[in-house]
N, C-alpha and C. Protein backbone atom coordinates (compact mmCIF):
# COMPACT_ATOMS: atom_id res chain seq x y z
N UNK A 1 -1.61 -11.63 -9.45
CA UNK A 1 -2.40 -12.04 -8.30
C UNK A 1 -3.85 -11.63 -8.52
N UNK A 2 -4.75 -12.55 -8.27
CA UNK A 2 -6.18 -12.30 -8.45
C UNK A 2 -6.71 -11.39 -7.34
N UNK A 3 -7.56 -10.45 -7.73
CA UNK A 3 -8.14 -9.53 -6.75
C UNK A 3 -9.14 -10.27 -5.87
N UNK A 4 -9.18 -9.89 -4.60
CA UNK A 4 -10.15 -10.43 -3.66
C UNK A 4 -11.49 -9.73 -3.84
N UNK A 5 -12.56 -10.38 -3.41
CA UNK A 5 -13.92 -9.86 -3.54
C UNK A 5 -14.39 -9.19 -2.25
N UNK A 6 -14.93 -7.99 -2.41
CA UNK A 6 -15.51 -7.26 -1.28
C UNK A 6 -16.96 -6.96 -1.60
N UNK A 7 -17.85 -7.26 -0.65
CA UNK A 7 -19.26 -6.92 -0.76
C UNK A 7 -19.55 -5.81 0.24
N UNK A 8 -20.11 -4.71 -0.25
CA UNK A 8 -20.42 -3.55 0.60
C UNK A 8 -21.93 -3.37 0.66
N UNK A 9 -22.46 -3.22 1.88
CA UNK A 9 -23.89 -2.93 2.06
C UNK A 9 -24.01 -1.55 2.70
N UNK A 10 -24.72 -0.67 2.01
CA UNK A 10 -24.92 0.69 2.51
C UNK A 10 -26.15 1.25 1.81
N UNK A 11 -27.06 1.85 2.55
CA UNK A 11 -28.29 2.34 1.92
C UNK A 11 -28.07 3.62 1.11
N UNK A 12 -26.93 4.26 1.28
CA UNK A 12 -26.62 5.47 0.53
C UNK A 12 -25.89 5.13 -0.77
N UNK A 13 -26.50 5.43 -1.90
CA UNK A 13 -25.87 5.16 -3.20
C UNK A 13 -24.61 6.01 -3.38
N UNK A 14 -24.62 7.20 -2.82
CA UNK A 14 -23.42 8.06 -2.91
C UNK A 14 -22.27 7.42 -2.14
N UNK A 15 -22.55 6.94 -0.94
CA UNK A 15 -21.51 6.28 -0.14
C UNK A 15 -21.01 5.02 -0.84
N UNK A 16 -21.92 4.26 -1.43
CA UNK A 16 -21.51 3.05 -2.17
C UNK A 16 -20.58 3.40 -3.32
N UNK A 17 -20.94 4.44 -4.04
CA UNK A 17 -20.10 4.87 -5.17
C UNK A 17 -18.71 5.30 -4.68
N UNK A 18 -18.67 6.06 -3.60
CA UNK A 18 -17.40 6.52 -3.05
C UNK A 18 -16.55 5.34 -2.57
N UNK A 19 -17.14 4.44 -1.81
CA UNK A 19 -16.41 3.28 -1.30
C UNK A 19 -15.89 2.41 -2.45
N UNK A 20 -16.73 2.22 -3.45
CA UNK A 20 -16.31 1.41 -4.60
C UNK A 20 -15.14 2.09 -5.32
N UNK A 21 -15.21 3.40 -5.47
CA UNK A 21 -14.15 4.14 -6.13
C UNK A 21 -12.82 3.99 -5.37
N UNK A 22 -12.88 4.04 -4.05
CA UNK A 22 -11.67 3.92 -3.22
C UNK A 22 -11.07 2.52 -3.32
N UNK A 23 -11.92 1.50 -3.31
CA UNK A 23 -11.44 0.12 -3.21
C UNK A 23 -11.23 -0.59 -4.55
N UNK A 24 -11.85 -0.12 -5.61
CA UNK A 24 -11.86 -0.85 -6.88
C UNK A 24 -10.48 -1.03 -7.51
N UNK A 25 -9.52 -0.19 -7.19
CA UNK A 25 -8.18 -0.36 -7.74
C UNK A 25 -7.49 -1.61 -7.22
N UNK A 26 -7.86 -2.04 -6.03
CA UNK A 26 -7.19 -3.18 -5.40
C UNK A 26 -8.08 -4.42 -5.23
N UNK A 27 -9.39 -4.24 -5.34
CA UNK A 27 -10.33 -5.33 -5.05
C UNK A 27 -11.45 -5.35 -6.08
N UNK A 28 -12.09 -6.53 -6.23
CA UNK A 28 -13.34 -6.63 -6.98
C UNK A 28 -14.44 -6.23 -6.00
N UNK A 29 -15.16 -5.17 -6.30
CA UNK A 29 -16.13 -4.63 -5.36
C UNK A 29 -17.54 -4.80 -5.92
N UNK A 30 -18.41 -5.37 -5.09
CA UNK A 30 -19.83 -5.49 -5.39
C UNK A 30 -20.58 -4.72 -4.33
N UNK A 31 -21.60 -3.96 -4.74
CA UNK A 31 -22.34 -3.14 -3.80
C UNK A 31 -23.81 -3.56 -3.73
N UNK A 32 -24.41 -3.29 -2.57
CA UNK A 32 -25.82 -3.59 -2.36
C UNK A 32 -26.41 -2.52 -1.45
N UNK A 33 -27.64 -2.10 -1.74
CA UNK A 33 -28.27 -1.07 -0.92
C UNK A 33 -28.98 -1.63 0.30
N UNK A 34 -29.16 -2.95 0.36
CA UNK A 34 -29.79 -3.58 1.52
C UNK A 34 -29.41 -5.05 1.57
N UNK A 35 -29.84 -5.70 2.63
CA UNK A 35 -29.46 -7.10 2.83
C UNK A 35 -30.06 -8.00 1.76
N UNK A 36 -31.25 -7.67 1.27
CA UNK A 36 -31.86 -8.50 0.24
C UNK A 36 -31.08 -8.44 -1.07
N UNK A 37 -30.59 -7.26 -1.41
CA UNK A 37 -29.76 -7.13 -2.61
C UNK A 37 -28.46 -7.90 -2.44
N UNK A 38 -27.87 -7.83 -1.25
CA UNK A 38 -26.64 -8.58 -0.98
C UNK A 38 -26.90 -10.08 -1.05
N UNK A 39 -28.03 -10.49 -0.54
CA UNK A 39 -28.40 -11.90 -0.57
C UNK A 39 -28.53 -12.39 -2.01
N UNK A 40 -29.08 -11.56 -2.88
CA UNK A 40 -29.19 -11.91 -4.30
C UNK A 40 -27.82 -12.29 -4.86
N UNK A 41 -26.82 -11.45 -4.59
CA UNK A 41 -25.48 -11.71 -5.12
C UNK A 41 -24.92 -13.03 -4.60
N UNK A 42 -25.06 -13.27 -3.29
CA UNK A 42 -24.48 -14.49 -2.72
C UNK A 42 -25.22 -15.74 -3.18
N UNK A 43 -26.53 -15.63 -3.39
CA UNK A 43 -27.29 -16.77 -3.87
C UNK A 43 -26.97 -17.11 -5.33
N UNK A 44 -26.42 -16.14 -6.04
CA UNK A 44 -26.05 -16.34 -7.44
C UNK A 44 -24.56 -16.60 -7.60
N UNK A 45 -23.91 -17.10 -6.55
CA UNK A 45 -22.54 -17.57 -6.66
C UNK A 45 -21.44 -16.60 -6.27
N UNK A 46 -21.80 -15.37 -5.88
CA UNK A 46 -20.77 -14.41 -5.47
C UNK A 46 -20.31 -14.76 -4.06
N UNK A 47 -19.02 -14.93 -3.90
CA UNK A 47 -18.46 -15.29 -2.60
C UNK A 47 -17.50 -14.19 -2.13
N UNK A 48 -17.92 -13.39 -1.15
CA UNK A 48 -17.05 -12.29 -0.70
C UNK A 48 -15.90 -12.79 0.18
N UNK A 49 -14.77 -12.10 0.06
CA UNK A 49 -13.65 -12.33 0.96
C UNK A 49 -13.74 -11.40 2.17
N UNK A 50 -14.56 -10.35 2.02
CA UNK A 50 -14.79 -9.39 3.10
C UNK A 50 -16.15 -8.76 2.88
N UNK A 51 -16.88 -8.58 3.97
CA UNK A 51 -18.16 -7.89 3.94
C UNK A 51 -18.00 -6.59 4.71
N UNK A 52 -18.36 -5.47 4.07
CA UNK A 52 -18.31 -4.16 4.72
C UNK A 52 -19.73 -3.64 4.83
N UNK A 53 -20.14 -3.24 6.04
CA UNK A 53 -21.45 -2.64 6.21
C UNK A 53 -21.30 -1.31 6.93
N UNK A 54 -22.24 -0.42 6.68
CA UNK A 54 -22.28 0.86 7.37
C UNK A 54 -23.21 0.69 8.56
N UNK A 55 -22.64 0.74 9.75
CA UNK A 55 -23.41 0.54 10.96
C UNK A 55 -24.52 1.55 11.15
N UNK A 56 -24.36 2.78 10.65
CA UNK A 56 -25.39 3.80 10.84
C UNK A 56 -26.52 3.68 9.83
N UNK A 57 -26.30 2.98 8.73
CA UNK A 57 -27.36 2.85 7.74
C UNK A 57 -28.09 1.52 7.85
N UNK A 58 -27.71 0.75 8.82
CA UNK A 58 -28.31 -0.56 9.01
C UNK A 58 -28.72 -0.68 10.47
N UNK A 59 -29.97 -1.01 10.72
CA UNK A 59 -30.47 -1.12 12.09
C UNK A 59 -29.78 -2.26 12.83
N UNK A 60 -29.93 -2.29 14.14
CA UNK A 60 -29.36 -3.37 14.94
C UNK A 60 -29.91 -4.71 14.49
N UNK A 61 -31.20 -4.74 14.20
CA UNK A 61 -31.81 -5.98 13.72
C UNK A 61 -31.19 -6.42 12.40
N UNK A 62 -30.96 -5.47 11.53
CA UNK A 62 -30.33 -5.75 10.23
C UNK A 62 -28.94 -6.34 10.43
N UNK A 63 -28.13 -5.71 11.28
CA UNK A 63 -26.76 -6.19 11.48
C UNK A 63 -26.74 -7.58 12.11
N UNK A 64 -27.72 -7.89 12.93
CA UNK A 64 -27.78 -9.22 13.52
C UNK A 64 -28.20 -10.26 12.49
N UNK A 65 -28.99 -9.86 11.51
CA UNK A 65 -29.47 -10.80 10.50
C UNK A 65 -28.51 -10.99 9.34
N UNK A 66 -27.63 -10.04 9.10
CA UNK A 66 -26.70 -10.17 7.98
C UNK A 66 -25.90 -11.48 8.05
N UNK A 67 -25.27 -11.77 9.19
CA UNK A 67 -24.49 -13.01 9.25
C UNK A 67 -25.33 -14.26 9.07
N UNK A 68 -26.59 -14.22 9.48
CA UNK A 68 -27.45 -15.40 9.37
C UNK A 68 -27.89 -15.63 7.94
N UNK A 69 -28.02 -14.57 7.15
CA UNK A 69 -28.60 -14.69 5.82
C UNK A 69 -27.59 -14.71 4.69
N UNK A 70 -26.44 -14.07 4.87
CA UNK A 70 -25.45 -14.01 3.78
C UNK A 70 -24.34 -14.99 4.08
N UNK A 71 -24.16 -15.94 3.21
CA UNK A 71 -23.13 -16.94 3.39
C UNK A 71 -22.37 -17.10 2.08
N UNK A 72 -21.12 -17.46 2.18
CA UNK A 72 -20.36 -17.70 0.96
C UNK A 72 -20.89 -18.97 0.30
N UNK A 73 -20.66 -19.11 -1.00
CA UNK A 73 -21.21 -20.24 -1.74
C UNK A 73 -20.67 -21.58 -1.26
N UNK A 74 -19.48 -21.61 -0.68
CA UNK A 74 -18.93 -22.86 -0.19
C UNK A 74 -19.07 -23.01 1.33
N UNK A 75 -19.80 -22.08 1.96
CA UNK A 75 -20.02 -22.15 3.39
C UNK A 75 -18.84 -21.68 4.22
N UNK A 76 -17.82 -21.14 3.57
CA UNK A 76 -16.62 -20.72 4.29
C UNK A 76 -16.85 -19.43 5.07
N UNK A 77 -16.04 -19.24 6.06
CA UNK A 77 -16.09 -18.02 6.85
C UNK A 77 -15.55 -16.85 6.05
N UNK A 78 -16.02 -15.65 6.38
CA UNK A 78 -15.43 -14.44 5.84
C UNK A 78 -15.59 -13.34 6.88
N UNK A 79 -14.66 -12.40 6.92
CA UNK A 79 -14.68 -11.36 7.94
C UNK A 79 -15.65 -10.23 7.63
N UNK A 80 -15.96 -9.47 8.66
CA UNK A 80 -16.88 -8.34 8.57
C UNK A 80 -16.20 -7.08 9.10
N UNK A 81 -16.28 -6.01 8.32
CA UNK A 81 -15.76 -4.69 8.71
C UNK A 81 -16.95 -3.75 8.79
N UNK A 82 -17.14 -3.11 9.94
CA UNK A 82 -18.26 -2.19 10.13
C UNK A 82 -17.73 -0.76 10.14
N UNK A 83 -18.35 0.09 9.32
CA UNK A 83 -18.05 1.52 9.32
C UNK A 83 -19.02 2.16 10.30
N UNK A 84 -18.50 2.86 11.29
CA UNK A 84 -19.35 3.39 12.34
C UNK A 84 -18.99 4.82 12.67
N UNK A 85 -19.94 5.51 13.28
CA UNK A 85 -19.68 6.87 13.73
C UNK A 85 -18.89 6.83 15.02
N UNK A 86 -18.01 7.79 15.22
CA UNK A 86 -17.20 7.85 16.44
C UNK A 86 -18.09 7.86 17.66
N UNK A 87 -17.67 7.18 18.70
CA UNK A 87 -18.36 7.11 19.99
C UNK A 87 -19.71 6.39 19.93
N UNK A 88 -19.96 5.64 18.86
CA UNK A 88 -21.18 4.83 18.78
C UNK A 88 -20.77 3.39 19.01
N UNK A 89 -21.52 2.68 19.87
CA UNK A 89 -21.15 1.28 20.11
C UNK A 89 -21.39 0.41 18.88
N UNK A 90 -20.55 -0.60 18.74
CA UNK A 90 -20.68 -1.56 17.65
C UNK A 90 -21.08 -2.88 18.28
N UNK A 91 -22.22 -3.41 17.84
CA UNK A 91 -22.68 -4.69 18.37
C UNK A 91 -21.72 -5.80 17.98
N UNK A 92 -21.61 -6.79 18.83
CA UNK A 92 -20.82 -7.97 18.47
C UNK A 92 -21.68 -8.81 17.55
N UNK A 93 -21.31 -8.84 16.30
CA UNK A 93 -22.07 -9.53 15.27
C UNK A 93 -21.35 -10.81 14.96
N UNK A 94 -22.00 -11.92 15.20
CA UNK A 94 -21.31 -13.17 14.90
C UNK A 94 -22.30 -14.27 14.55
N UNK A 95 -21.82 -15.22 13.81
CA UNK A 95 -22.57 -16.41 13.46
C UNK A 95 -21.56 -17.43 13.01
N UNK A 96 -22.03 -18.51 12.44
CA UNK A 96 -21.12 -19.54 11.95
C UNK A 96 -20.26 -19.02 10.80
N UNK A 97 -20.80 -18.13 9.98
CA UNK A 97 -20.08 -17.71 8.78
C UNK A 97 -19.46 -16.33 8.84
N UNK A 98 -19.92 -15.48 9.72
CA UNK A 98 -19.43 -14.10 9.73
C UNK A 98 -19.29 -13.61 11.15
N UNK A 99 -18.26 -12.87 11.42
CA UNK A 99 -18.09 -12.25 12.73
C UNK A 99 -17.37 -10.93 12.55
N UNK A 100 -17.72 -9.99 13.40
CA UNK A 100 -17.08 -8.69 13.36
C UNK A 100 -15.59 -8.86 13.58
N UNK A 101 -14.82 -8.48 12.60
CA UNK A 101 -13.36 -8.55 12.67
C UNK A 101 -12.77 -7.20 12.99
N UNK A 102 -13.40 -6.13 12.48
CA UNK A 102 -12.83 -4.80 12.66
C UNK A 102 -13.91 -3.75 12.44
N UNK A 103 -13.62 -2.56 12.92
CA UNK A 103 -14.49 -1.43 12.63
C UNK A 103 -13.62 -0.23 12.36
N UNK A 104 -14.21 0.73 11.65
CA UNK A 104 -13.51 1.95 11.27
C UNK A 104 -14.45 3.11 11.54
N UNK A 105 -14.00 4.06 12.34
CA UNK A 105 -14.83 5.22 12.66
C UNK A 105 -14.88 6.19 11.49
N UNK A 106 -16.08 6.73 11.25
CA UNK A 106 -16.26 7.78 10.24
C UNK A 106 -16.14 9.13 10.92
N UNK A 107 -15.68 10.13 10.28
CA UNK A 107 -15.14 10.10 8.92
C UNK A 107 -13.73 9.50 8.91
N UNK A 108 -13.35 8.99 7.78
CA UNK A 108 -12.01 8.42 7.60
C UNK A 108 -11.48 8.87 6.25
N UNK A 109 -10.16 8.81 6.09
CA UNK A 109 -9.62 9.14 4.77
C UNK A 109 -9.43 7.84 3.99
N UNK A 110 -9.36 7.92 2.67
CA UNK A 110 -9.26 6.72 1.84
C UNK A 110 -8.11 5.79 2.22
N UNK A 111 -6.97 6.36 2.59
CA UNK A 111 -5.84 5.50 2.95
C UNK A 111 -6.12 4.71 4.23
N UNK A 112 -6.88 5.29 5.17
CA UNK A 112 -7.27 4.55 6.37
C UNK A 112 -8.15 3.36 6.01
N UNK A 113 -9.10 3.58 5.11
CA UNK A 113 -9.99 2.49 4.70
C UNK A 113 -9.19 1.39 4.02
N UNK A 114 -8.34 1.75 3.09
CA UNK A 114 -7.53 0.75 2.39
C UNK A 114 -6.66 -0.05 3.35
N UNK A 115 -6.06 0.63 4.30
CA UNK A 115 -5.21 -0.05 5.29
C UNK A 115 -6.03 -0.97 6.18
N UNK A 116 -7.20 -0.52 6.63
CA UNK A 116 -8.05 -1.33 7.49
C UNK A 116 -8.55 -2.57 6.75
N UNK A 117 -8.92 -2.41 5.49
CA UNK A 117 -9.37 -3.55 4.69
C UNK A 117 -8.23 -4.55 4.54
N UNK A 118 -7.06 -4.06 4.19
CA UNK A 118 -5.90 -4.94 4.01
C UNK A 118 -5.57 -5.68 5.30
N UNK A 119 -5.53 -4.97 6.42
CA UNK A 119 -5.21 -5.59 7.70
C UNK A 119 -6.26 -6.62 8.11
N UNK A 120 -7.53 -6.29 7.89
CA UNK A 120 -8.61 -7.20 8.26
C UNK A 120 -8.53 -8.50 7.46
N UNK A 121 -8.34 -8.39 6.17
CA UNK A 121 -8.24 -9.59 5.33
C UNK A 121 -6.98 -10.38 5.67
N UNK A 122 -5.85 -9.70 5.84
CA UNK A 122 -4.61 -10.40 6.18
C UNK A 122 -4.69 -11.10 7.52
N UNK A 123 -5.28 -10.43 8.51
CA UNK A 123 -5.43 -11.03 9.83
C UNK A 123 -6.30 -12.27 9.75
N UNK A 124 -7.37 -12.15 9.01
CA UNK A 124 -8.30 -13.27 8.87
C UNK A 124 -7.63 -14.45 8.16
N UNK A 125 -6.92 -14.16 7.07
CA UNK A 125 -6.24 -15.23 6.33
C UNK A 125 -5.11 -15.85 7.14
N UNK A 126 -4.38 -15.03 7.89
CA UNK A 126 -3.25 -15.52 8.68
C UNK A 126 -3.70 -16.47 9.78
N UNK A 127 -4.74 -16.07 10.52
CA UNK A 127 -5.18 -16.89 11.65
C UNK A 127 -6.13 -18.00 11.21
N UNK A 128 -6.74 -17.86 10.04
CA UNK A 128 -7.62 -18.91 9.53
C UNK A 128 -8.92 -19.02 10.30
N UNK A 129 -9.17 -18.09 11.18
CA UNK A 129 -10.39 -18.10 11.95
C UNK A 129 -10.63 -16.69 12.45
N UNK A 130 -11.71 -16.52 13.17
CA UNK A 130 -12.04 -15.20 13.66
C UNK A 130 -11.15 -14.78 14.82
N UNK A 131 -10.75 -13.53 14.81
CA UNK A 131 -10.01 -12.91 15.92
C UNK A 131 -10.83 -11.68 16.28
N UNK A 132 -11.81 -11.81 17.17
CA UNK A 132 -12.73 -10.72 17.44
C UNK A 132 -12.03 -9.44 17.85
N UNK A 133 -12.71 -8.34 17.58
CA UNK A 133 -12.22 -7.01 17.95
C UNK A 133 -12.11 -6.92 19.47
N UNK A 134 -11.02 -6.38 19.97
CA UNK A 134 -10.83 -6.25 21.41
C UNK A 134 -11.98 -5.43 22.01
N UNK A 135 -12.44 -5.86 23.16
CA UNK A 135 -13.50 -5.15 23.85
C UNK A 135 -14.88 -5.70 23.57
N UNK A 136 -14.97 -6.74 22.74
CA UNK A 136 -16.28 -7.33 22.43
C UNK A 136 -16.38 -8.71 22.98
């Protein structure tokens, strides 16, 4: 079975390295330190099956612009997983191509991340469309 593609945006290189280390056994992982770097990958044919962003390292304006600027090469939808600090609100991020599917509070253990990624992708593939996070 071919590995799915995950694009992670986080301004911390240490966090990117850690997330890639956790996910690389099961997924093809591409990392970007900002939206412009992520845009470079998508403009050059990289099509993510899941986009993960760190809500605390990306401003509200940034999170609102991510869905507008990053699109898969075939225009298909893909889900978004936001890593957030406990008790911090998560904005409802949505557009034609991306919508918040899930969030995971930090700190988390690696097995929680792997499970959340798996559930998010499976839910998205099963329903074939967005199933927004409850409460948004």
